[in-house]
Amino acid sequence: MKKEDAVKHIEAAITAHERQLKTSRFMAYGMKVDEKDAALHEKVCSFGAWLYENIEWLKRFFGASTIEEIEKLHSLWHNENRKIYDLYLKKNTKGLLGKLFGPSGIEKGDIDRAKAYYADLKSVSDALLKRMKVLLVRAKSRPESDYEKIEEK
Protein backbone atom coordinates (compact mmCIF):
# COMPACT_ATOMS: atom_id res chain seq x y z
CA MET A 1 0.00 0.00 0.00
CA LYS A 2 1.30 3.45 -0.87
CA LYS A 3 1.58 6.12 1.80
CA GLU A 4 -1.05 8.34 0.18
CA ASP A 5 -3.50 5.43 0.00
CA ALA A 6 -2.88 4.42 3.61
CA VAL A 7 -3.47 7.96 4.86
CA LYS A 8 -6.68 8.28 2.82
CA HIS A 9 -7.94 4.92 4.11
CA ILE A 10 -7.28 5.84 7.74
CA GLU A 11 -8.99 9.22 7.28
CA ALA A 12 -11.97 7.51 5.65
CA ALA A 13 -12.18 4.98 8.51
CA ILE A 14 -12.21 7.82 11.06
CA THR A 15 -14.94 9.63 9.12
CA ALA A 16 -17.00 6.43 8.81
CA HIS A 17 -16.77 5.86 12.56
CA GLU A 18 -17.79 9.45 13.33
CA ARG A 19 -20.79 9.08 11.00
CA GLN A 20 -21.77 5.85 12.73
CA LEU A 21 -21.53 7.47 16.14
CA LYS A 22 -23.97 10.13 14.94
CA THR A 23 -26.43 7.41 13.88
CA SER A 24 -26.09 5.78 17.29
CA ARG A 25 -26.81 9.12 18.96
CA PHE A 26 -29.98 9.49 16.89
CA MET A 27 -31.07 6.01 17.98
CA ALA A 28 -30.31 6.80 21.65
CA TYR A 29 -32.53 9.86 21.46
CA GLY A 30 -35.37 7.92 19.82
CA MET A 31 -34.99 9.49 16.38
CA LYS A 32 -35.76 7.52 13.24
CA VAL A 33 -32.77 5.99 11.46
CA ASP A 34 -32.40 3.56 8.62
CA GLU A 35 -31.80 0.21 10.32
CA LYS A 36 -29.11 -0.73 7.80
CA ASP A 37 -27.06 2.15 9.25
CA ALA A 38 -27.23 0.71 12.79
CA ALA A 39 -23.80 -1.01 12.51
CA LEU A 40 -24.61 -4.13 14.47
CA HIS A 41 -21.78 -6.28 13.17
CA GLU A 42 -18.21 -5.20 13.62
CA LYS A 43 -16.93 -6.74 10.41
CA VAL A 44 -19.70 -5.26 8.28
CA CYS A 45 -19.66 -1.59 9.25
CA SER A 46 -17.45 0.66 7.10
CA PHE A 47 -14.80 1.02 9.80
CA GLY A 48 -14.75 -2.71 10.50
CA ALA A 49 -14.67 -3.61 6.83
CA TRP A 50 -11.56 -1.42 6.43
CA LEU A 51 -9.96 -2.75 9.62
CA TYR A 52 -10.46 -6.45 8.91
CA GLU A 53 -9.67 -6.18 5.21
CA ASN A 54 -6.30 -4.61 6.03
CA ILE A 55 -5.56 -6.11 9.44
CA GLU A 56 -2.46 -8.11 8.52
CA TRP A 57 -0.86 -5.15 6.76
CA LEU A 58 -1.82 -2.81 9.62
CA LYS A 59 -0.27 -5.16 12.19
CA ARG A 60 2.97 -5.41 10.21
CA PHE A 61 3.16 -1.65 9.68
CA PHE A 62 1.95 -0.24 13.01
CA GLY A 63 2.56 -3.21 15.29
CA ALA A 64 0.24 -5.98 16.41
CA SER A 65 -0.40 -4.55 19.88
CA THR A 66 -1.51 -1.17 18.47
CA ILE A 67 -3.93 -2.73 16.01
CA GLU A 68 -5.20 -5.29 18.52
CA GLU A 69 -6.04 -2.41 20.89
CA ILE A 70 -7.98 -0.67 18.11
CA GLU A 71 -9.71 -3.97 17.30
CA LYS A 72 -10.64 -4.47 20.97
CA LEU A 73 -12.09 -0.95 21.25
CA HIS A 74 -13.99 -1.42 18.01
CA SER A 75 -15.50 -4.67 19.29
CA LEU A 76 -16.42 -3.04 22.60
CA TRP A 77 -17.98 -0.15 20.70
CA HIS A 78 -20.27 -2.57 18.85
CA ASN A 79 -21.27 -4.29 22.10
CA GLU A 80 -22.32 -0.92 23.53
CA ASN A 81 -24.05 0.05 20.30
CA ARG A 82 -26.14 -3.15 20.36
CA LYS A 83 -27.59 -2.10 23.73
CA ILE A 84 -28.84 1.14 22.18
CA TYR A 85 -30.12 -0.70 19.12
CA ASP A 86 -32.06 -3.19 21.24
CA LEU A 87 -33.93 -0.31 22.89
CA TYR A 88 -34.38 1.39 19.53
CA LEU A 89 -35.75 -1.80 18.00
CA LYS A 90 -38.11 -2.23 20.96
CA LYS A 91 -39.46 1.26 20.29
CA ASN A 92 -39.99 0.59 16.61
CA THR A 93 -41.71 -2.80 16.90
CA LYS A 94 -44.17 -2.09 19.70
CA GLY A 95 -47.32 -4.03 18.97
CA LEU A 96 -49.48 -4.44 15.89
CA LEU A 97 -50.75 -0.85 15.92
CA GLY A 98 -47.18 0.42 16.11
CA LYS A 99 -46.30 -1.63 13.07
CA LEU A 100 -49.38 -0.46 11.16
CA PHE A 101 -49.46 3.21 12.15
CA GLY A 102 -45.91 3.90 13.21
CA PRO A 103 -44.28 3.56 16.60
CA SER A 104 -46.15 4.78 19.64
CA GLY A 105 -42.96 6.33 21.00
CA ILE A 106 -40.13 5.19 23.14
CA GLU A 107 -40.81 4.99 26.87
CA LYS A 108 -39.13 7.54 29.15
CA GLY A 109 -37.15 4.90 31.03
CA ASP A 110 -35.88 3.45 27.77
CA ILE A 111 -34.72 6.88 26.56
CA ASP A 112 -32.88 7.44 29.83
CA ARG A 113 -31.24 4.02 29.55
CA ALA A 114 -30.36 4.61 25.89
CA LYS A 115 -28.78 7.96 26.79
CA ALA A 116 -26.71 6.28 29.51
CA TYR A 117 -25.63 3.60 27.02
CA TYR A 118 -24.76 6.37 24.58
CA ALA A 119 -22.54 8.03 27.19
CA ASP A 120 -20.65 4.73 27.55
CA LEU A 121 -20.53 4.34 23.77
CA LYS A 122 -19.19 7.89 23.39
CA SER A 123 -16.44 7.16 25.91
CA VAL A 124 -15.35 4.06 23.99
CA SER A 125 -15.62 6.00 20.75
CA ASP A 126 -13.41 8.79 22.07
CA ALA A 127 -10.73 6.25 23.02
CA LEU A 128 -10.98 4.58 19.61
CA LEU A 129 -10.80 7.88 17.73
CA LYS A 130 -7.84 9.02 19.82
CA ARG A 131 -5.93 5.88 18.84
CA MET A 132 -6.96 6.24 15.21
CA LYS A 133 -5.75 9.83 15.12
CA VAL A 134 -2.41 8.76 16.57
CA LEU A 135 -2.29 6.09 13.86
CA LEU A 136 -2.96 8.79 11.26
CA VAL A 137 -0.12 10.96 12.58
CA ARG A 138 2.20 7.96 12.51
CA ALA A 139 1.11 7.13 8.96
CA LYS A 140 1.74 10.68 7.78
CA SER A 141 5.13 10.92 9.48
CA ARG A 142 6.61 7.74 8.04
CA PRO A 143 8.55 7.98 4.78
CA GLU A 144 7.29 6.34 1.62
CA SER A 145 10.22 3.90 1.78
CA ASP A 146 8.73 2.36 4.96
CA TYR A 147 5.57 1.56 3.01
CA GLU A 148 7.57 -0.07 0.24
CA LYS A 149 9.44 -2.23 2.77
CA ILE A 150 6.19 -3.56 4.22
CA GLU A 151 4.93 -4.42 0.72
CA GLU A 152 8.04 -6.50 0.06
CA LYS A 153 7.42 -8.78 3.06
C-alpha atoms as a PDB file:
ATOM      1  CA  MET A   1       0.000   0.000   0.000  1.00  0.00           C
ATOM      2  CA  LYS A   2       1.303   3.446  -0.866  1.00  0.00           C
ATOM      3  CA  LYS A   3       1.583   6.125   1.800  1.00  0.00           C
ATOM      4  CA  GLU A   4      -1.046   8.340   0.177  1.00  0.00           C
ATOM      5  CA  ASP A   5      -3.499   5.427  -0.002  1.00  0.00           C
ATOM      6  CA  ALA A   6      -2.878   4.420   3.610  1.00  0.00           C
ATOM      7  CA  VAL A   7      -3.466   7.962   4.857  1.00  0.00           C
ATOM      8  CA  LYS A   8      -6.679   8.277   2.821  1.00  0.00           C
ATOM      9  CA  HIS A   9      -7.942   4.920   4.111  1.00  0.00           C
ATOM     10  CA  ILE A  10      -7.282   5.842   7.737  1.00  0.00           C
ATOM     11  CA  GLU A  11      -8.992   9.219   7.282  1.00  0.00           C
ATOM     12  CA  ALA A  12     -11.972   7.507   5.649  1.00  0.00           C
ATOM     13  CA  ALA A  13     -12.184   4.980   8.509  1.00  0.00           C
ATOM     14  CA  ILE A  14     -12.208   7.815  11.059  1.00  0.00           C
ATOM     15  CA  THR A  15     -14.941   9.625   9.121  1.00  0.00           C
ATOM     16  CA  ALA A  16     -17.000   6.433   8.812  1.00  0.00           C
ATOM     17  CA  HIS A  17     -16.772   5.860  12.557  1.00  0.00           C
ATOM     18  CA  GLU A  18     -17.791   9.448  13.332  1.00  0.00           C
ATOM     19  CA  ARG A  19     -20.786   9.085  10.998  1.00  0.00           C
ATOM     20  CA  GLN A  20     -21.770   5.848  12.726  1.00  0.00           C
ATOM     21  CA  LEU A  21     -21.531   7.472  16.143  1.00  0.00           C
ATOM     22  CA  LYS A  22     -23.972  10.126  14.938  1.00  0.00           C
ATOM     23  CA  THR A  23     -26.426   7.411  13.875  1.00  0.00           C
ATOM     24  CA  SER A  24     -26.095   5.779  17.294  1.00  0.00           C
ATOM     25  CA  ARG A  25     -26.811   9.121  18.956  1.00  0.00           C
ATOM     26  CA  PHE A  26     -29.976   9.487  16.888  1.00  0.00           C
ATOM     27  CA  MET A  27     -31.072   6.009  17.982  1.00  0.00           C
ATOM     28  CA  ALA A  28     -30.314   6.802  21.645  1.00  0.00           C
ATOM     29  CA  TYR A  29     -32.535   9.862  21.459  1.00  0.00           C
ATOM     30  CA  GLY A  30     -35.370   7.921  19.820  1.00  0.00           C
ATOM     31  CA  MET A  31     -34.992   9.492  16.382  1.00  0.00           C
ATOM     32  CA  LYS A  32     -35.757   7.521  13.236  1.00  0.00           C
ATOM     33  CA  VAL A  33     -32.765   5.990  11.462  1.00  0.00           C
ATOM     34  CA  ASP A  34     -32.401   3.560   8.617  1.00  0.00           C
ATOM     35  CA  GLU A  35     -31.803   0.210  10.322  1.00  0.00           C
ATOM     36  CA  LYS A  36     -29.109  -0.728   7.799  1.00  0.00           C
ATOM     37  CA  ASP A  37     -27.057   2.152   9.255  1.00  0.00           C
ATOM     38  CA  ALA A  38     -27.232   0.714  12.791  1.00  0.00           C
ATOM     39  CA  ALA A  39     -23.801  -1.013  12.509  1.00  0.00           C
ATOM     40  CA  LEU A  40     -24.609  -4.128  14.466  1.00  0.00           C
ATOM     41  CA  HIS A  41     -21.785  -6.280  13.170  1.00  0.00           C
ATOM     42  CA  GLU A  42     -18.206  -5.203  13.623  1.00  0.00           C
ATOM     43  CA  LYS A  43     -16.929  -6.740  10.415  1.00  0.00           C
ATOM     44  CA  VAL A  44     -19.702  -5.263   8.279  1.00  0.00           C
ATOM     45  CA  CYS A  45     -19.660  -1.588   9.254  1.00  0.00           C
ATOM     46  CA  SER A  46     -17.451   0.657   7.104  1.00  0.00           C
ATOM     47  CA  PHE A  47     -14.801   1.021   9.799  1.00  0.00           C
ATOM     48  CA  GLY A  48     -14.745  -2.711  10.504  1.00  0.00           C
ATOM     49  CA  ALA A  49     -14.668  -3.607   6.828  1.00  0.00           C
ATOM     50  CA  TRP A  50     -11.564  -1.422   6.433  1.00  0.00           C
ATOM     51  CA  LEU A  51      -9.956  -2.751   9.621  1.00  0.00           C
ATOM     52  CA  TYR A  52     -10.456  -6.453   8.912  1.00  0.00           C
ATOM     53  CA  GLU A  53      -9.675  -6.180   5.215  1.00  0.00           C
ATOM     54  CA  ASN A  54      -6.298  -4.611   6.034  1.00  0.00           C
ATOM     55  CA  ILE A  55      -5.562  -6.115   9.443  1.00  0.00           C
ATOM     56  CA  GLU A  56      -2.462  -8.108   8.524  1.00  0.00           C
ATOM     57  CA  TRP A  57      -0.862  -5.154   6.759  1.00  0.00           C
ATOM     58  CA  LEU A  58      -1.818  -2.815   9.624  1.00  0.00           C
ATOM     59  CA  LYS A  59      -0.272  -5.158  12.192  1.00  0.00           C
ATOM     60  CA  ARG A  60       2.973  -5.405  10.212  1.00  0.00           C
ATOM     61  CA  PHE A  61       3.160  -1.652   9.677  1.00  0.00           C
ATOM     62  CA  PHE A  62       1.950  -0.237  13.006  1.00  0.00           C
ATOM     63  CA  GLY A  63       2.559  -3.206  15.285  1.00  0.00           C
ATOM     64  CA  ALA A  64       0.240  -5.976  16.406  1.00  0.00           C
ATOM     65  CA  SER A  65      -0.403  -4.548  19.881  1.00  0.00           C
ATOM     66  CA  THR A  66      -1.513  -1.174  18.471  1.00  0.00           C
ATOM     67  CA  ILE A  67      -3.932  -2.731  16.010  1.00  0.00           C
ATOM     68  CA  GLU A  68      -5.201  -5.287  18.524  1.00  0.00           C
ATOM     69  CA  GLU A  69      -6.042  -2.413  20.894  1.00  0.00           C
ATOM     70  CA  ILE A  70      -7.984  -0.673  18.112  1.00  0.00           C
ATOM     71  CA  GLU A  71      -9.710  -3.968  17.295  1.00  0.00           C
ATOM     72  CA  LYS A  72     -10.636  -4.471  20.966  1.00  0.00           C
ATOM     73  CA  LEU A  73     -12.086  -0.951  21.253  1.00  0.00           C
ATOM     74  CA  HIS A  74     -13.993  -1.420  18.012  1.00  0.00           C
ATOM     75  CA  SER A  75     -15.503  -4.668  19.287  1.00  0.00           C
ATOM     76  CA  LEU A  76     -16.423  -3.039  22.601  1.00  0.00           C
ATOM     77  CA  TRP A  77     -17.981  -0.151  20.696  1.00  0.00           C
ATOM     78  CA  HIS A  78     -20.266  -2.569  18.853  1.00  0.00           C
ATOM     79  CA  ASN A  79     -21.265  -4.288  22.099  1.00  0.00           C
ATOM     80  CA  GLU A  80     -22.324  -0.920  23.532  1.00  0.00           C
ATOM     81  CA  ASN A  81     -24.047   0.051  20.297  1.00  0.00           C
ATOM     82  CA  ARG A  82     -26.142  -3.148  20.360  1.00  0.00           C
ATOM     83  CA  LYS A  83     -27.589  -2.098  23.728  1.00  0.00           C
ATOM     84  CA  ILE A  84     -28.843   1.136  22.176  1.00  0.00           C
ATOM     85  CA  TYR A  85     -30.125  -0.699  19.117  1.00  0.00           C
ATOM     86  CA  ASP A  86     -32.057  -3.186  21.241  1.00  0.00           C
ATOM     87  CA  LEU A  87     -33.929  -0.307  22.891  1.00  0.00           C
ATOM     88  CA  TYR A  88     -34.381   1.394  19.532  1.00  0.00           C
ATOM     89  CA  LEU A  89     -35.749  -1.800  17.999  1.00  0.00           C
ATOM     90  CA  LYS A  90     -38.112  -2.229  20.958  1.00  0.00           C
ATOM     91  CA  LYS A  91     -39.460   1.259  20.292  1.00  0.00           C
ATOM     92  CA  ASN A  92     -39.991   0.595  16.605  1.00  0.00           C
ATOM     93  CA  THR A  93     -41.713  -2.796  16.900  1.00  0.00           C
ATOM     94  CA  LYS A  94     -44.170  -2.089  19.701  1.00  0.00           C
ATOM     95  CA  GLY A  95     -47.323  -4.035  18.970  1.00  0.00           C
ATOM     96  CA  LEU A  96     -49.478  -4.439  15.891  1.00  0.00           C
ATOM     97  CA  LEU A  97     -50.747  -0.846  15.919  1.00  0.00           C
ATOM     98  CA  GLY A  98     -47.177   0.422  16.108  1.00  0.00           C
ATOM     99  CA  LYS A  99     -46.298  -1.634  13.073  1.00  0.00           C
ATOM    100  CA  LEU A 100     -49.380  -0.456  11.162  1.00  0.00           C
ATOM    101  CA  PHE A 101     -49.463   3.208  12.148  1.00  0.00           C
ATOM    102  CA  GLY A 102     -45.907   3.899  13.212  1.00  0.00           C
ATOM    103  CA  PRO A 103     -44.281   3.561  16.601  1.00  0.00           C
ATOM    104  CA  SER A 104     -46.149   4.783  19.645  1.00  0.00           C
ATOM    105  CA  GLY A 105     -42.961   6.329  21.001  1.00  0.00           C
ATOM    106  CA  ILE A 106     -40.130   5.192  23.144  1.00  0.00           C
ATOM    107  CA  GLU A 107     -40.811   4.989  26.866  1.00  0.00           C
ATOM    108  CA  LYS A 108     -39.134   7.543  29.149  1.00  0.00           C
ATOM    109  CA  GLY A 109     -37.154   4.902  31.031  1.00  0.00           C
ATOM    110  CA  ASP A 110     -35.881   3.451  27.771  1.00  0.00           C
ATOM    111  CA  ILE A 111     -34.724   6.879  26.563  1.00  0.00           C
ATOM    112  CA  ASP A 112     -32.878   7.437  29.825  1.00  0.00           C
ATOM    113  CA  ARG A 113     -31.244   4.020  29.548  1.00  0.00           C
ATOM    114  CA  ALA A 114     -30.356   4.612  25.891  1.00  0.00           C
ATOM    115  CA  LYS A 115     -28.776   7.962  26.791  1.00  0.00           C
ATOM    116  CA  ALA A 116     -26.713   6.276  29.506  1.00  0.00           C
ATOM    117  CA  TYR A 117     -25.631   3.602  27.022  1.00  0.00           C
ATOM    118  CA  TYR A 118     -24.755   6.370  24.575  1.00  0.00           C
ATOM    119  CA  ALA A 119     -22.539   8.033  27.189  1.00  0.00           C
ATOM    120  CA  ASP A 120     -20.651   4.732  27.552  1.00  0.00           C
ATOM    121  CA  LEU A 121     -20.526   4.343  23.767  1.00  0.00           C
ATOM    122  CA  LYS A 122     -19.186   7.887  23.385  1.00  0.00           C
ATOM    123  CA  SER A 123     -16.440   7.163  25.907  1.00  0.00           C
ATOM    124  CA  VAL A 124     -15.345   4.061  23.995  1.00  0.00           C
ATOM    125  CA  SER A 125     -15.616   5.996  20.751  1.00  0.00           C
ATOM    126  CA  ASP A 126     -13.409   8.789  22.075  1.00  0.00           C
ATOM    127  CA  ALA A 127     -10.731   6.249  23.022  1.00  0.00           C
ATOM    128  CA  LEU A 128     -10.980   4.578  19.610  1.00  0.00           C
ATOM    129  CA  LEU A 129     -10.799   7.877  17.728  1.00  0.00           C
ATOM    130  CA  LYS A 130      -7.838   9.016  19.818  1.00  0.00           C
ATOM    131  CA  ARG A 131      -5.927   5.883  18.837  1.00  0.00           C
ATOM    132  CA  MET A 132      -6.956   6.239  15.208  1.00  0.00           C
ATOM    133  CA  LYS A 133      -5.749   9.835  15.118  1.00  0.00           C
ATOM    134  CA  VAL A 134      -2.409   8.756  16.570  1.00  0.00           C
ATOM    135  CA  LEU A 135      -2.293   6.086  13.862  1.00  0.00           C
ATOM    136  CA  LEU A 136      -2.965   8.789  11.261  1.00  0.00           C
ATOM    137  CA  VAL A 137      -0.125  10.963  12.584  1.00  0.00           C
ATOM    138  CA  ARG A 138       2.197   7.961  12.513  1.00  0.00           C
ATOM    139  CA  ALA A 139       1.110   7.126   8.955  1.00  0.00           C
ATOM    140  CA  LYS A 140       1.737  10.682   7.776  1.00  0.00           C
ATOM    141  CA  SER A 141       5.134  10.917   9.476  1.00  0.00           C
ATOM    142  CA  ARG A 142       6.609   7.736   8.043  1.00  0.00           C
ATOM    143  CA  PRO A 143       8.546   7.983   4.776  1.00  0.00           C
ATOM    144  CA  GLU A 144       7.288   6.336   1.615  1.00  0.00           C
ATOM    145  CA  SER A 145      10.219   3.903   1.782  1.00  0.00           C
ATOM    146  CA  ASP A 146       8.730   2.361   4.955  1.00  0.00           C
ATOM    147  CA  TYR A 147       5.573   1.564   3.009  1.00  0.00           C
ATOM    148  CA  GLU A 148       7.574  -0.065   0.245  1.00  0.00           C
ATOM    149  CA  LYS A 149       9.442  -2.227   2.767  1.00  0.00           C
ATOM    150  CA  ILE A 150       6.186  -3.561   4.217  1.00  0.00           C
ATOM    151  CA  GLU A 151       4.926  -4.417   0.722  1.00  0.00           C
ATOM    152  CA  GLU A 152       8.043  -6.502   0.057  1.00  0.00           C
ATOM    153  CA  LYS A 153       7.417  -8.782   3.057  1.00  0.00           C
END
